[in-house]
Amino acid sequence: MSSGDKVRASHILIKHHGSRRAASWRDEDGTKFIKNTTKESAITQLKALKEDIISGPFGRGQMQKPFEEATFALKVGEISDIVDTDSGVHIIKRTG
């Protein structure tokens, strides 16, 4: 397969009541979030996330301490080891 036949992508998915599969690992039967989320609400959430992403960096005190410390310790382009926070576990790539 040539390099023109491959892509790399990252994405954020917000499921809604019209999604092909109205369940996820976070919402096994879809009743917690998915069935109560309209497509319009999902789009609004994505637009807000896009603005956050475009606005760029976060400062000290905005993220959970382990996440912040790990991110600030990385050089641009580096990827962290596993970082454990109250939200879960992460792998972080510093992009700026």
PDB file of N, CA and C in Angstrom:
ATOM      1  N   MET A   1       0.848  -1.172   0.000  1.00  0.00           N
ATOM      2  CA  MET A   1       0.000   0.000   0.000  1.00  0.00           C
ATOM      3  C   MET A   1       0.896   1.239   0.000  1.00  0.00           C
ATOM      4  N   SER A   2       0.688   2.161  -0.907  1.00  0.00           N
ATOM      5  CA  SER A   2       1.497   3.378  -0.953  1.00  0.00           C
ATOM      6  C   SER A   2       1.009   4.377   0.077  1.00  0.00           C
ATOM      7  N   SER A   3       1.854   5.372   0.371  1.00  0.00           N
ATOM      8  CA  SER A   3       1.484   6.371   1.381  1.00  0.00           C
ATOM      9  C   SER A   3       0.258   7.175   0.953  1.00  0.00           C
ATOM     10  N   GLY A   4      -0.036   7.233  -0.335  1.00  0.00           N
ATOM     11  CA  GLY A   4      -1.227   7.913  -0.813  1.00  0.00           C
ATOM     12  C   GLY A   4      -2.511   7.159  -0.526  1.00  0.00           C
ATOM     13  N   ASP A   5      -2.366   5.887  -0.109  1.00  0.00           N
ATOM     14  CA  ASP A   5      -3.524   5.061   0.205  1.00  0.00           C
ATOM     15  C   ASP A   5      -3.848   5.033   1.691  1.00  0.00           C
ATOM     16  N   LYS A   6      -3.116   5.821   2.496  1.00  0.00           N
ATOM     17  CA  LYS A   6      -3.319   5.822   3.948  1.00  0.00           C
ATOM     18  C   LYS A   6      -3.513   7.239   4.452  1.00  0.00           C
ATOM     19  N   VAL A   7      -4.262   7.356   5.495  1.00  0.00           N
ATOM     20  CA  VAL A   7      -4.426   8.640   6.175  1.00  0.00           C
ATOM     21  C   VAL A   7      -4.324   8.409   7.680  1.00  0.00           C
ATOM     22  N   ARG A   8      -4.078   9.476   8.430  1.00  0.00           N
ATOM     23  CA  ARG A   8      -4.134   9.434   9.883  1.00  0.00           C
ATOM     24  C   ARG A   8      -5.149  10.485  10.296  1.00  0.00           C
ATOM     25  N   ALA A   9      -5.982  10.155  11.261  1.00  0.00           N
ATOM     26  CA  ALA A   9      -7.019  11.087  11.668  1.00  0.00           C
ATOM     27  C   ALA A   9      -7.313  10.951  13.153  1.00  0.00           C
ATOM     28  N   SER A  10      -7.714  12.041  13.746  1.00  0.00           N
ATOM     29  CA  SER A  10      -8.233  12.058  15.103  1.00  0.00           C
ATOM     30  C   SER A  10      -9.641  12.617  14.998  1.00  0.00           C
ATOM     31  N   HIS A  11     -10.528  12.209  15.905  1.00  0.00           N
ATOM     32  CA  HIS A  11     -11.875  12.750  15.818  1.00  0.00           C
ATOM     33  C   HIS A  11     -12.533  12.763  17.183  1.00  0.00           C
ATOM     34  N   ILE A  12     -13.556  13.557  17.267  1.00  0.00           N
ATOM     35  CA  ILE A  12     -14.414  13.612  18.445  1.00  0.00           C
ATOM     36  C   ILE A  12     -15.803  13.229  17.959  1.00  0.00           C
ATOM     37  N   LEU A  13     -16.413  12.274  18.627  1.00  0.00           N
ATOM     38  CA  LEU A  13     -17.753  11.817  18.256  1.00  0.00           C
ATOM     39  C   LEU A  13     -18.707  12.117  19.395  1.00  0.00           C
ATOM     40  N   ILE A  14     -19.805  12.760  19.082  1.00  0.00           N
ATOM     41  CA  ILE A  14     -20.889  12.935  20.047  1.00  0.00           C
ATOM     42  C   ILE A  14     -22.101  12.240  19.450  1.00  0.00           C
ATOM     43  N   LYS A  15     -22.495  11.143  20.058  1.00  0.00           N
ATOM     44  CA  LYS A  15     -23.655  10.402  19.563  1.00  0.00           C
ATOM     45  C   LYS A  15     -24.942  11.137  19.931  1.00  0.00           C
ATOM     46  N   HIS A  16     -25.972  10.917  19.117  1.00  0.00           N
ATOM     47  CA  HIS A  16     -27.278  11.517  19.370  1.00  0.00           C
ATOM     48  C   HIS A  16     -28.347  10.472  19.100  1.00  0.00           C
ATOM     49  N   HIS A  17     -29.574  10.813  19.397  1.00  0.00           N
ATOM     50  CA  HIS A  17     -30.655   9.819  19.293  1.00  0.00           C
ATOM     51  C   HIS A  17     -30.849   9.271  17.891  1.00  0.00           C
ATOM     52  N   GLY A  18     -30.324   9.927  16.868  1.00  0.00           N
ATOM     53  CA  GLY A  18     -30.428   9.429  15.504  1.00  0.00           C
ATOM     54  C   GLY A  18     -29.203   8.658  15.047  1.00  0.00           C
ATOM     55  N   SER A  19     -28.238   8.464  15.942  1.00  0.00           N
ATOM     56  CA  SER A  19     -27.014   7.747  15.587  1.00  0.00           C
ATOM     57  C   SER A  19     -27.311   6.301  15.211  1.00  0.00           C
ATOM     58  N   ARG A  20     -26.496   5.764  14.359  1.00  0.00           N
ATOM     59  CA  ARG A  20     -26.672   4.392  13.874  1.00  0.00           C
ATOM     60  C   ARG A  20     -26.754   3.409  15.038  1.00  0.00           C
ATOM     61  N   ARG A  21     -25.917   3.561  16.018  1.00  0.00           N
ATOM     62  CA  ARG A  21     -25.936   2.679  17.183  1.00  0.00           C
ATOM     63  C   ARG A  21     -26.068   3.565  18.411  1.00  0.00           C
ATOM     64  N   ALA A  22     -27.232   3.613  18.990  1.00  0.00           N
ATOM     65  CA  ALA A  22     -27.509   4.518  20.121  1.00  0.00           C
ATOM     66  C   ALA A  22     -27.067   3.905  21.442  1.00  0.00           C
ATOM     67  N   ALA A  23     -25.804   3.516  21.498  1.00  0.00           N
ATOM     68  CA  ALA A  23     -25.209   2.986  22.725  1.00  0.00           C
ATOM     69  C   ALA A  23     -23.708   3.195  22.623  1.00  0.00           C
ATOM     70  N   SER A  24     -23.039   3.165  23.749  1.00  0.00           N
ATOM     71  CA  SER A  24     -21.585   3.280  23.773  1.00  0.00           C
ATOM     72  C   SER A  24     -21.084   2.670  25.066  1.00  0.00           C
ATOM     73  N   TRP A  25     -19.778   2.621  25.218  1.00  0.00           N
ATOM     74  CA  TRP A  25     -19.218   2.074  26.452  1.00  0.00           C
ATOM     75  C   TRP A  25     -19.618   2.924  27.653  1.00  0.00           C
ATOM     76  N   ARG A  26     -19.887   4.222  27.446  1.00  0.00           N
ATOM     77  CA  ARG A  26     -20.295   5.113  28.531  1.00  0.00           C
ATOM     78  C   ARG A  26     -21.785   5.035  28.812  1.00  0.00           C
ATOM     79  N   ASP A  27     -22.525   4.567  27.842  1.00  0.00           N
ATOM     80  CA  ASP A  27     -23.988   4.594  27.922  1.00  0.00           C
ATOM     81  C   ASP A  27     -24.512   3.328  27.238  1.00  0.00           C
ATOM     82  N   GLU A  28     -24.393   2.209  27.937  1.00  0.00           N
ATOM     83  CA  GLU A  28     -24.625   0.893  27.334  1.00  0.00           C
ATOM     84  C   GLU A  28     -25.981   0.723  26.665  1.00  0.00           C
ATOM     85  N   ASP A  29     -27.029   1.316  27.237  1.00  0.00           N
ATOM     86  CA  ASP A  29     -28.344   1.186  26.603  1.00  0.00           C
ATOM     87  C   ASP A  29     -28.826   2.507  26.003  1.00  0.00           C
ATOM     88  N   GLY A  30     -27.978   3.510  26.041  1.00  0.00           N
ATOM     89  CA  GLY A  30     -28.304   4.792  25.420  1.00  0.00           C
ATOM     90  C   GLY A  30     -29.212   5.694  26.226  1.00  0.00           C
ATOM     91  N   THR A  31     -29.576   5.315  27.450  1.00  0.00           N
ATOM     92  CA  THR A  31     -30.555   6.104  28.196  1.00  0.00           C
ATOM     93  C   THR A  31     -29.951   7.239  29.007  1.00  0.00           C
ATOM     94  N   LYS A  32     -28.662   7.204  29.293  1.00  0.00           N
ATOM     95  CA  LYS A  32     -28.044   8.261  30.098  1.00  0.00           C
ATOM     96  C   LYS A  32     -27.832   9.536  29.300  1.00  0.00           C
ATOM     97  N   PHE A  33     -27.288   9.406  28.096  1.00  0.00           N
ATOM     98  CA  PHE A  33     -26.921  10.582  27.309  1.00  0.00           C
ATOM     99  C   PHE A  33     -27.510  10.555  25.903  1.00  0.00           C
ATOM    100  N   ILE A  34     -27.290   9.464  25.219  1.00  0.00           N
ATOM    101  CA  ILE A  34     -27.505   9.419  23.780  1.00  0.00           C
ATOM    102  C   ILE A  34     -28.962   9.660  23.387  1.00  0.00           C
ATOM    103  N   LYS A  35     -29.902   8.953  23.995  1.00  0.00           N
ATOM    104  CA  LYS A  35     -31.307   9.102  23.612  1.00  0.00           C
ATOM    105  C   LYS A  35     -31.865  10.472  23.955  1.00  0.00           C
ATOM    106  N   ASN A  36     -31.194  11.192  24.863  1.00  0.00           N
ATOM    107  CA  ASN A  36     -31.629  12.535  25.242  1.00  0.00           C
ATOM    108  C   ASN A  36     -30.874  13.640  24.505  1.00  0.00           C
ATOM    109  N   THR A  37     -29.999  13.267  23.589  1.00  0.00           N
ATOM    110  CA  THR A  37     -29.214  14.247  22.844  1.00  0.00           C
ATOM    111  C   THR A  37     -29.739  14.345  21.421  1.00  0.00           C
ATOM    112  N   THR A  38     -30.133  15.541  21.029  1.00  0.00           N
ATOM    113  CA  THR A  38     -30.586  15.750  19.654  1.00  0.00           C
ATOM    114  C   THR A  38     -29.367  15.966  18.751  1.00  0.00           C
ATOM    115  N   LYS A  39     -29.571  15.811  17.470  1.00  0.00           N
ATOM    116  CA  LYS A  39     -28.495  16.079  16.517  1.00  0.00           C
ATOM    117  C   LYS A  39     -28.051  17.534  16.638  1.00  0.00           C
ATOM    118  N   GLU A  40     -29.003  18.436  16.794  1.00  0.00           N
ATOM    119  CA  GLU A  40     -28.694  19.865  16.922  1.00  0.00           C
ATOM    120  C   GLU A  40     -27.854  20.133  18.170  1.00  0.00           C
ATOM    121  N   SER A  41     -28.180  19.465  19.279  1.00  0.00           N
ATOM    122  CA  SER A  41     -27.412  19.612  20.509  1.00  0.00           C
ATOM    123  C   SER A  41     -25.994  19.082  20.323  1.00  0.00           C
ATOM    124  N   ALA A  42     -25.848  17.961  19.647  1.00  0.00           N
ATOM    125  CA  ALA A  42     -24.525  17.388  19.384  1.00  0.00           C
ATOM    126  C   ALA A  42     -23.690  18.351  18.544  1.00  0.00           C
ATOM    127  N   ILE A  43     -24.306  18.966  17.538  1.00  0.00           N
ATOM    128  CA  ILE A  43     -23.602  19.924  16.689  1.00  0.00           C
ATOM    129  C   ILE A  43     -23.174  21.145  17.497  1.00  0.00           C
ATOM    130  N   THR A  44     -24.042  21.636  18.360  1.00  0.00           N
ATOM    131  CA  THR A  44     -23.710  22.777  19.221  1.00  0.00           C
ATOM    132  C   THR A  44     -22.517  22.443  20.109  1.00  0.00           C
ATOM    133  N   GLN A  45     -22.515  21.237  20.690  1.00  0.00           N
ATOM    134  CA  GLN A  45     -21.397  20.811  21.540  1.00  0.00           C
ATOM    135  C   GLN A  45     -20.100  20.734  20.738  1.00  0.00           C
ATOM    136  N   LEU A  46     -20.172  20.196  19.527  1.00  0.00           N
ATOM    137  CA  LEU A  46     -18.978  20.099  18.687  1.00  0.00           C
ATOM    138  C   LEU A  46     -18.446  21.471  18.297  1.00  0.00           C
ATOM    139  N   LYS A  47     -19.345  22.410  17.995  1.00  0.00           N
ATOM    140  CA  LYS A  47     -18.907  23.769  17.646  1.00  0.00           C
ATOM    141  C   LYS A  47     -18.164  24.407  18.813  1.00  0.00           C
ATOM    142  N   ALA A  48     -18.663  24.203  20.031  1.00  0.00           N
ATOM    143  CA  ALA A  48     -17.997  24.747  21.220  1.00  0.00           C
ATOM    144  C   ALA A  48     -16.626  24.092  21.408  1.00  0.00           C
ATOM    145  N   LEU A  49     -16.554  22.785  21.203  1.00  0.00           N
ATOM    146  CA  LEU A  49     -15.272  22.094  21.320  1.00  0.00           C
ATOM    147  C   LEU A  49     -14.290  22.583  20.263  1.00  0.00           C
ATOM    148  N   LYS A  50     -14.777  22.791  19.050  1.00  0.00           N
ATOM    149  CA  LYS A  50     -13.912  23.280  17.972  1.00  0.00           C
ATOM    150  C   LYS A  50     -13.333  24.643  18.337  1.00  0.00           C
ATOM    151  N   GLU A  51     -14.152  25.521  18.891  1.00  0.00           N
ATOM    152  CA  GLU A  51     -13.663  26.832  19.323  1.00  0.00           C
ATOM    153  C   GLU A  51     -12.581  26.687  20.373  1.00  0.00           C
ATOM    154  N   ASP A  52     -12.780  25.770  21.331  1.00  0.00           N
ATOM    155  CA  ASP A  52     -11.770  25.525  22.362  1.00  0.00           C
ATOM    156  C   ASP A  52     -10.469  25.026  21.747  1.00  0.00           C
ATOM    157  N   ILE A  53     -10.580  24.127  20.777  1.00  0.00           N
ATOM    158  CA  ILE A  53      -9.393  23.574  20.129  1.00  0.00           C
ATOM    159  C   ILE A  53      -8.657  24.655  19.352  1.00  0.00           C
ATOM    160  N   ILE A  54      -9.390  25.449  18.600  1.00  0.00           N
ATOM    161  CA  ILE A  54      -8.779  26.505  17.790  1.00  0.00           C
ATOM    162  C   ILE A  54      -8.134  27.567  18.672  1.00  0.00           C
ATOM    163  N   SER A  55      -8.754  27.842  19.824  1.00  0.00           N
ATOM    164  CA  SER A  55      -8.219  28.887  20.697  1.00  0.00           C
ATOM    165  C   SER A  55      -6.861  28.502  21.257  1.00  0.00           C
ATOM    166  N   GLY A  56      -6.522  27.211  21.160  1.00  0.00           N
ATOM    167  CA  GLY A  56      -5.168  26.798  21.466  1.00  0.00           C
ATOM    168  C   GLY A  56      -4.924  26.329  22.874  1.00  0.00           C
ATOM    169  N   PRO A  57      -3.904  26.922  23.487  1.00  0.00           N
ATOM    170  CA  PRO A  57      -3.359  26.344  24.723  1.00  0.00           C
ATOM    171  C   PRO A  57      -4.243  26.541  25.928  1.00  0.00           C
ATOM    172  N   PHE A  58      -3.944  25.772  26.958  1.00  0.00           N
ATOM    173  CA  PHE A  58      -4.557  25.977  28.261  1.00  0.00           C
ATOM    174  C   PHE A  58      -3.466  26.421  29.210  1.00  0.00           C
ATOM    175  N   GLY A  59      -3.864  27.145  30.216  1.00  0.00           N
ATOM    176  CA  GLY A  59      -2.899  27.643  31.185  1.00  0.00           C
ATOM    177  C   GLY A  59      -2.898  26.813  32.451  1.00  0.00           C
ATOM    178  N   ARG A  60      -1.979  27.131  33.321  1.00  0.00           N
ATOM    179  CA  ARG A  60      -1.897  26.443  34.606  1.00  0.00           C
ATOM    180  C   ARG A  60      -3.175  26.694  35.400  1.00  0.00           C
ATOM    181  N   GLY A  61      -3.626  25.658  36.082  1.00  0.00           N
ATOM    182  CA  GLY A  61      -4.821  25.769  36.899  1.00  0.00           C
ATOM    183  C   GLY A  61      -6.124  25.478  36.165  1.00  0.00           C
ATOM    184  N   GLN A  62      -6.059  25.197  34.859  1.00  0.00           N
ATOM    185  CA  GLN A  62      -7.279  24.935  34.092  1.00  0.00           C
ATOM    186  C   GLN A  62      -7.589  23.457  33.956  1.00  0.00           C
ATOM    187  N   MET A  63      -6.580  22.619  34.123  1.00  0.00           N
ATOM    188  CA  MET A  63      -6.752  21.179  33.973  1.00  0.00           C
ATOM    189  C   MET A  63      -6.424  20.506  35.304  1.00  0.00           C
ATOM    190  N   GLN A  64      -6.770  19.230  35.411  1.00  0.00           N
ATOM    191  CA  GLN A  64      -6.412  18.494  36.612  1.00  0.00           C
ATOM    192  C   GLN A  64      -4.884  18.458  36.728  1.00  0.00           C
ATOM    193  N   LYS A  65      -4.395  18.535  37.960  1.00  0.00           N
ATOM    194  CA  LYS A  65      -2.971  18.680  38.226  1.00  0.00           C
ATOM    195  C   LYS A  65      -2.097  17.640  37.516  1.00  0.00           C
ATOM    196  N   PRO A  66      -2.414  16.335  37.573  1.00  0.00           N
ATOM    197  CA  PRO A  66      -1.553  15.360  36.888  1.00  0.00           C
ATOM    198  C   PRO A  66      -1.482  15.602  35.371  1.00  0.00           C
ATOM    199  N   PHE A  67      -2.609  15.983  34.768  1.00  0.00           N
ATOM    200  CA  PHE A  67      -2.658  16.269  33.333  1.00  0.00           C
ATOM    201  C   PHE A  67      -1.790  17.487  33.033  1.00  0.00           C
ATOM    202  N   GLU A  68      -1.961  18.538  33.820  1.00  0.00           N
ATOM    203  CA  GLU A  68      -1.197  19.770  33.635  1.00  0.00           C
ATOM    204  C   GLU A  68       0.301  19.511  33.774  1.00  0.00           C
ATOM    205  N   GLU A  69       0.695  18.831  34.842  1.00  0.00           N
ATOM    206  CA  GLU A  69       2.118  18.585  35.083  1.00  0.00           C
ATOM    207  C   GLU A  69       2.742  17.760  33.961  1.00  0.00           C
ATOM    208  N   ALA A  70       2.029  16.735  33.518  1.00  0.00           N
ATOM    209  CA  ALA A  70       2.552  15.896  32.441  1.00  0.00           C
ATOM    210  C   ALA A  70       2.688  16.690  31.150  1.00  0.00           C
ATOM    211  N   THR A  71       1.697  17.499  30.833  1.00  0.00           N
ATOM    212  CA  THR A  71       1.712  18.260  29.582  1.00  0.00           C
ATOM    213  C   THR A  71       2.824  19.303  29.581  1.00  0.00           C
ATOM    214  N   PHE A  72       2.956  20.045  30.676  1.00  0.00           N
ATOM    215  CA  PHE A  72       3.993  21.071  30.747  1.00  0.00           C
ATOM    216  C   PHE A  72       5.399  20.458  30.753  1.00  0.00           C
ATOM    217  N   ALA A  73       5.525  19.196  31.162  1.00  0.00           N
ATOM    218  CA  ALA A  73       6.829  18.528  31.178  1.00  0.00           C
ATOM    219  C   ALA A  73       7.256  18.053  29.790  1.00  0.00           C
ATOM    220  N   LEU A  74       6.311  17.944  28.861  1.00  0.00           N
ATOM    221  CA  LEU A  74       6.615  17.484  27.503  1.00  0.00           C
ATOM    222  C   LEU A  74       7.168  18.615  26.646  1.00  0.00           C
ATOM    223  N   LYS A  75       7.983  18.259  25.670  1.00  0.00           N
ATOM    224  CA  LYS A  75       8.381  19.195  24.627  1.00  0.00           C
ATOM    225  C   LYS A  75       7.349  19.079  23.512  1.00  0.00           C
ATOM    226  N   VAL A  76       7.215  20.114  22.696  1.00  0.00           N
ATOM    227  CA  VAL A  76       6.278  20.079  21.574  1.00  0.00           C
ATOM    228  C   VAL A  76       6.598  18.872  20.695  1.00  0.00           C
ATOM    229  N   GLY A  77       5.566  18.081  20.405  1.00  0.00           N
ATOM    230  CA  GLY A  77       5.720  16.892  19.586  1.00  0.00           C
ATOM    231  C   GLY A  77       5.926  15.616  20.381  1.00  0.00           C
ATOM    232  N   GLU A  78       6.274  15.734  21.665  1.00  0.00           N
ATOM    233  CA  GLU A  78       6.468  14.544  22.490  1.00  0.00           C
ATOM    234  C   GLU A  78       5.138  13.970  22.953  1.00  0.00           C
ATOM    235  N   ILE A  79       5.159  12.666  23.242  1.00  0.00           N
ATOM    236  CA  ILE A  79       3.982  11.951  23.725  1.00  0.00           C
ATOM    237  C   ILE A  79       4.296  11.417  25.115  1.00  0.00           C
ATOM    238  N   SER A  80       3.349  11.578  26.012  1.00  0.00           N
ATOM    239  CA  SER A  80       3.535  11.164  27.402  1.00  0.00           C
ATOM    240  C   SER A  80       3.423   9.659  27.573  1.00  0.00           C
ATOM    241  N   ASP A  81       3.834   9.207  28.754  1.00  0.00           N
ATOM    242  CA  ASP A  81       3.486   7.873  29.213  1.00  0.00           C
ATOM    243  C   ASP A  81       2.028   7.953  29.663  1.00  0.00           C
ATOM    244  N   ILE A  82       1.522   6.936  30.300  1.00  0.00           N
ATOM    245  CA  ILE A  82       0.160   6.942  30.815  1.00  0.00           C
ATOM    246  C   ILE A  82       0.060   7.973  31.940  1.00  0.00           C
ATOM    247  N   VAL A  83      -0.961   8.815  31.876  1.00  0.00           N
ATOM    248  CA  VAL A  83      -1.220   9.823  32.900  1.00  0.00           C
ATOM    249  C   VAL A  83      -2.575   9.514  33.517  1.00  0.00           C
ATOM    250  N   ASP A  84      -2.607   9.348  34.826  1.00  0.00           N
ATOM    251  CA  ASP A  84      -3.823   8.983  35.552  1.00  0.00           C
ATOM    252  C   ASP A  84      -4.425  10.228  36.193  1.00  0.00           C
ATOM    253  N   THR A  85      -5.700  10.523  35.884  1.00  0.00           N
ATOM    254  CA  THR A  85      -6.421  11.624  36.522  1.00  0.00           C
ATOM    255  C   THR A  85      -7.748  11.097  37.046  1.00  0.00           C
ATOM    256  N   ASP A  86      -8.496  11.946  37.735  1.00  0.00           N
ATOM    257  CA  ASP A  86      -9.814  11.557  38.219  1.00  0.00           C
ATOM    258  C   ASP A  86     -10.773  11.256  37.062  1.00  0.00           C
ATOM    259  N   SER A  87     -10.480  11.795  35.883  1.00  0.00           N
ATOM    260  CA  SER A  87     -11.332  11.563  34.718  1.00  0.00           C
ATOM    261  C   SER A  87     -11.061  10.230  34.048  1.00  0.00           C
ATOM    262  N   GLY A  88      -9.875   9.678  34.265  1.00  0.00           N
ATOM    263  CA  GLY A  88      -9.484   8.428  33.629  1.00  0.00           C
ATOM    264  C   GLY A  88      -7.996   8.441  33.353  1.00  0.00           C
ATOM    265  N   VAL A  89      -7.575   7.633  32.395  1.00  0.00           N
ATOM    266  CA  VAL A  89      -6.162   7.593  32.025  1.00  0.00           C
ATOM    267  C   VAL A  89      -5.987   8.172  30.635  1.00  0.00           C
ATOM    268  N   HIS A  90      -4.852   8.803  30.421  1.00  0.00           N
ATOM    269  CA  HIS A  90      -4.609   9.550  29.190  1.00  0.00           C
ATOM    270  C   HIS A  90      -3.247   9.203  28.619  1.00  0.00           C
ATOM    271  N   ILE A  91      -3.083   9.404  27.328  1.00  0.00           N
ATOM    272  CA  ILE A  91      -1.806   9.579  26.660  1.00  0.00           C
ATOM    273  C   ILE A  91      -1.922  10.953  26.031  1.00  0.00           C
ATOM    274  N   ILE A  92      -0.932  11.798  26.266  1.00  0.00           N
ATOM    275  CA  ILE A  92      -1.003  13.198  25.841  1.00  0.00           C
ATOM    276  C   ILE A  92       0.115  13.477  24.829  1.00  0.00           C
ATOM    277  N   LYS A  93      -0.227  14.145  23.740  1.00  0.00           N
ATOM    278  CA  LYS A  93       0.768  14.653  22.815  1.00  0.00           C
ATOM    279  C   LYS A  93       0.751  16.163  22.921  1.00  0.00           C
ATOM    280  N   ARG A  94       1.903  16.745  23.258  1.00  0.00           N
ATOM    281  CA  ARG A  94       1.964  18.212  23.342  1.00  0.00           C
ATOM    282  C   ARG A  94       2.112  18.762  21.939  1.00  0.00           C
ATOM    283  N   THR A  95       1.183  19.634  21.555  1.00  0.00           N
ATOM    284  CA  THR A  95       1.159  20.172  20.199  1.00  0.00           C
ATOM    285  C   THR A  95       1.520  21.647  20.126  1.00  0.00           C
ATOM    286  N   GLY A  96       1.726  22.266  21.255  1.00  0.00           N
ATOM    287  CA  GLY A  96       2.085  23.686  21.228  1.00  0.00           C
ATOM    288  C   GLY A  96       2.520  24.160  22.593  1.00  0.00           C
TER     289      GLY A  96
END
